[in-house]
């Protein structure tokens, strides 16, 4: 079974939008043990689309198409697909009724141009879109005498609409048309604190079950481990996957912070709730990034009380009660200042915990004594406070992002009773 993923849109080729749909669709196909053979991006051009559709039909059994289903003049997928395979466009009245009802729910009258989204190639099976205005379609086309069929699945380019349609409508249709002889199950283990090559080395001898392969992917500042298990039955593949995940977690410990799509800040928030703890932040070099990450999680008001972004020394003194003598003697980027910021935030907000950051993110501002990349992170608790000195060697944005991630991870580690160390993540010096 050969699969091809085709994304359509001038904006993709110009680099205006990151094409994340291809990776999502390929990962979902793996659940049916279908390997994607080709990734193609095509412009909103009739001739280019026609050529691309014909080539895909000739070489692939399943073609997943993303984009070009909107109402505007450059949305050509259904029209060109019909013309390419000698089909006429026909009106699908239930889709038109659903479009009108969609706009009515928001008190809006549907523009005439939206009717275009209810026309499909003759013989296509319409795929409902309950959360958007662009229905999808499945079209079976003949490759020629004795060459079998190719199945085109056309879906919206909007990720959340595509995700729902793929999982609920496309995958079941593909599975019902396949003769499944092997099954694949995969998951994503999210880790923080160890480099990709170090992870690979650390997991080299863990003795995975037969038929299980590991993949590694960096998504700064995380590294992901992706076990893929294949077996003759779905149950056997799932059992192999679960066994593999248990072995990986046993080897990596708290370096694995989540499975699937859960973020570190979401995991940390859940642990804060479980412990009945609250959190405040005091930020200098991260400039509010920690607070932004924490409050991006729904329900974060249950544990996050607030934060202070104190860039200047007088702000640190006035808002966080950092002693002016500490600032004068040690400077803003120092262990005593970081400690005082965390303790000041915890006292000001009356929280269980507080984290603080201060440093030189770069690219300028460093000196011989305090170079670019020098950062201090502090954690204040009911029992006292801890500070670590970090020497980071990235660009400004990644230095800031990594510092924010470390601060959040320290909250997780503290609540789980684990050391605050992050192995092999630059040079860190403990100061307590």
Foldseek 3Di string as FASTA:
>chain_A
DEEEEEEEEPCVVVVVDPQPVVVVLQVVVCQLPYHYDYYYYFYLDLVRLLVVVLVCWQPGQEYEYEALLALDPSSCVQVSVQVSQVFDKDFDVVLVVLLQVVQVVVVHGDDPSLSSQRIGTPPWDWADQNPDSHIKTWDWGDNDPPPHIHIYTYFYNPVVSRVCSCVPPVVVVVVVPDDRQKGKDKKKFKFAQDDQVVLCVLCVPLDQDPQKDWDWDDDPPIIIIMIMHMDRDSVVNVVSRVVVVVSSCVRPPCRGQDMHDDDLLNSLLVLCVVVVFAEEEEEALLQCPLVVVNVVDPPSVSHYQYYHHQHDPVCLCPQQVLDPVCCVPPNCADQSSQQSNFVSRCVVRVTQKYKYKDAALDPDDADPVHGHQWMKMKMQHPVGMWIKTFRADDHSVSSSVSNSSLNSVQSVQVSVVHDSDRPPHHDMDIDD
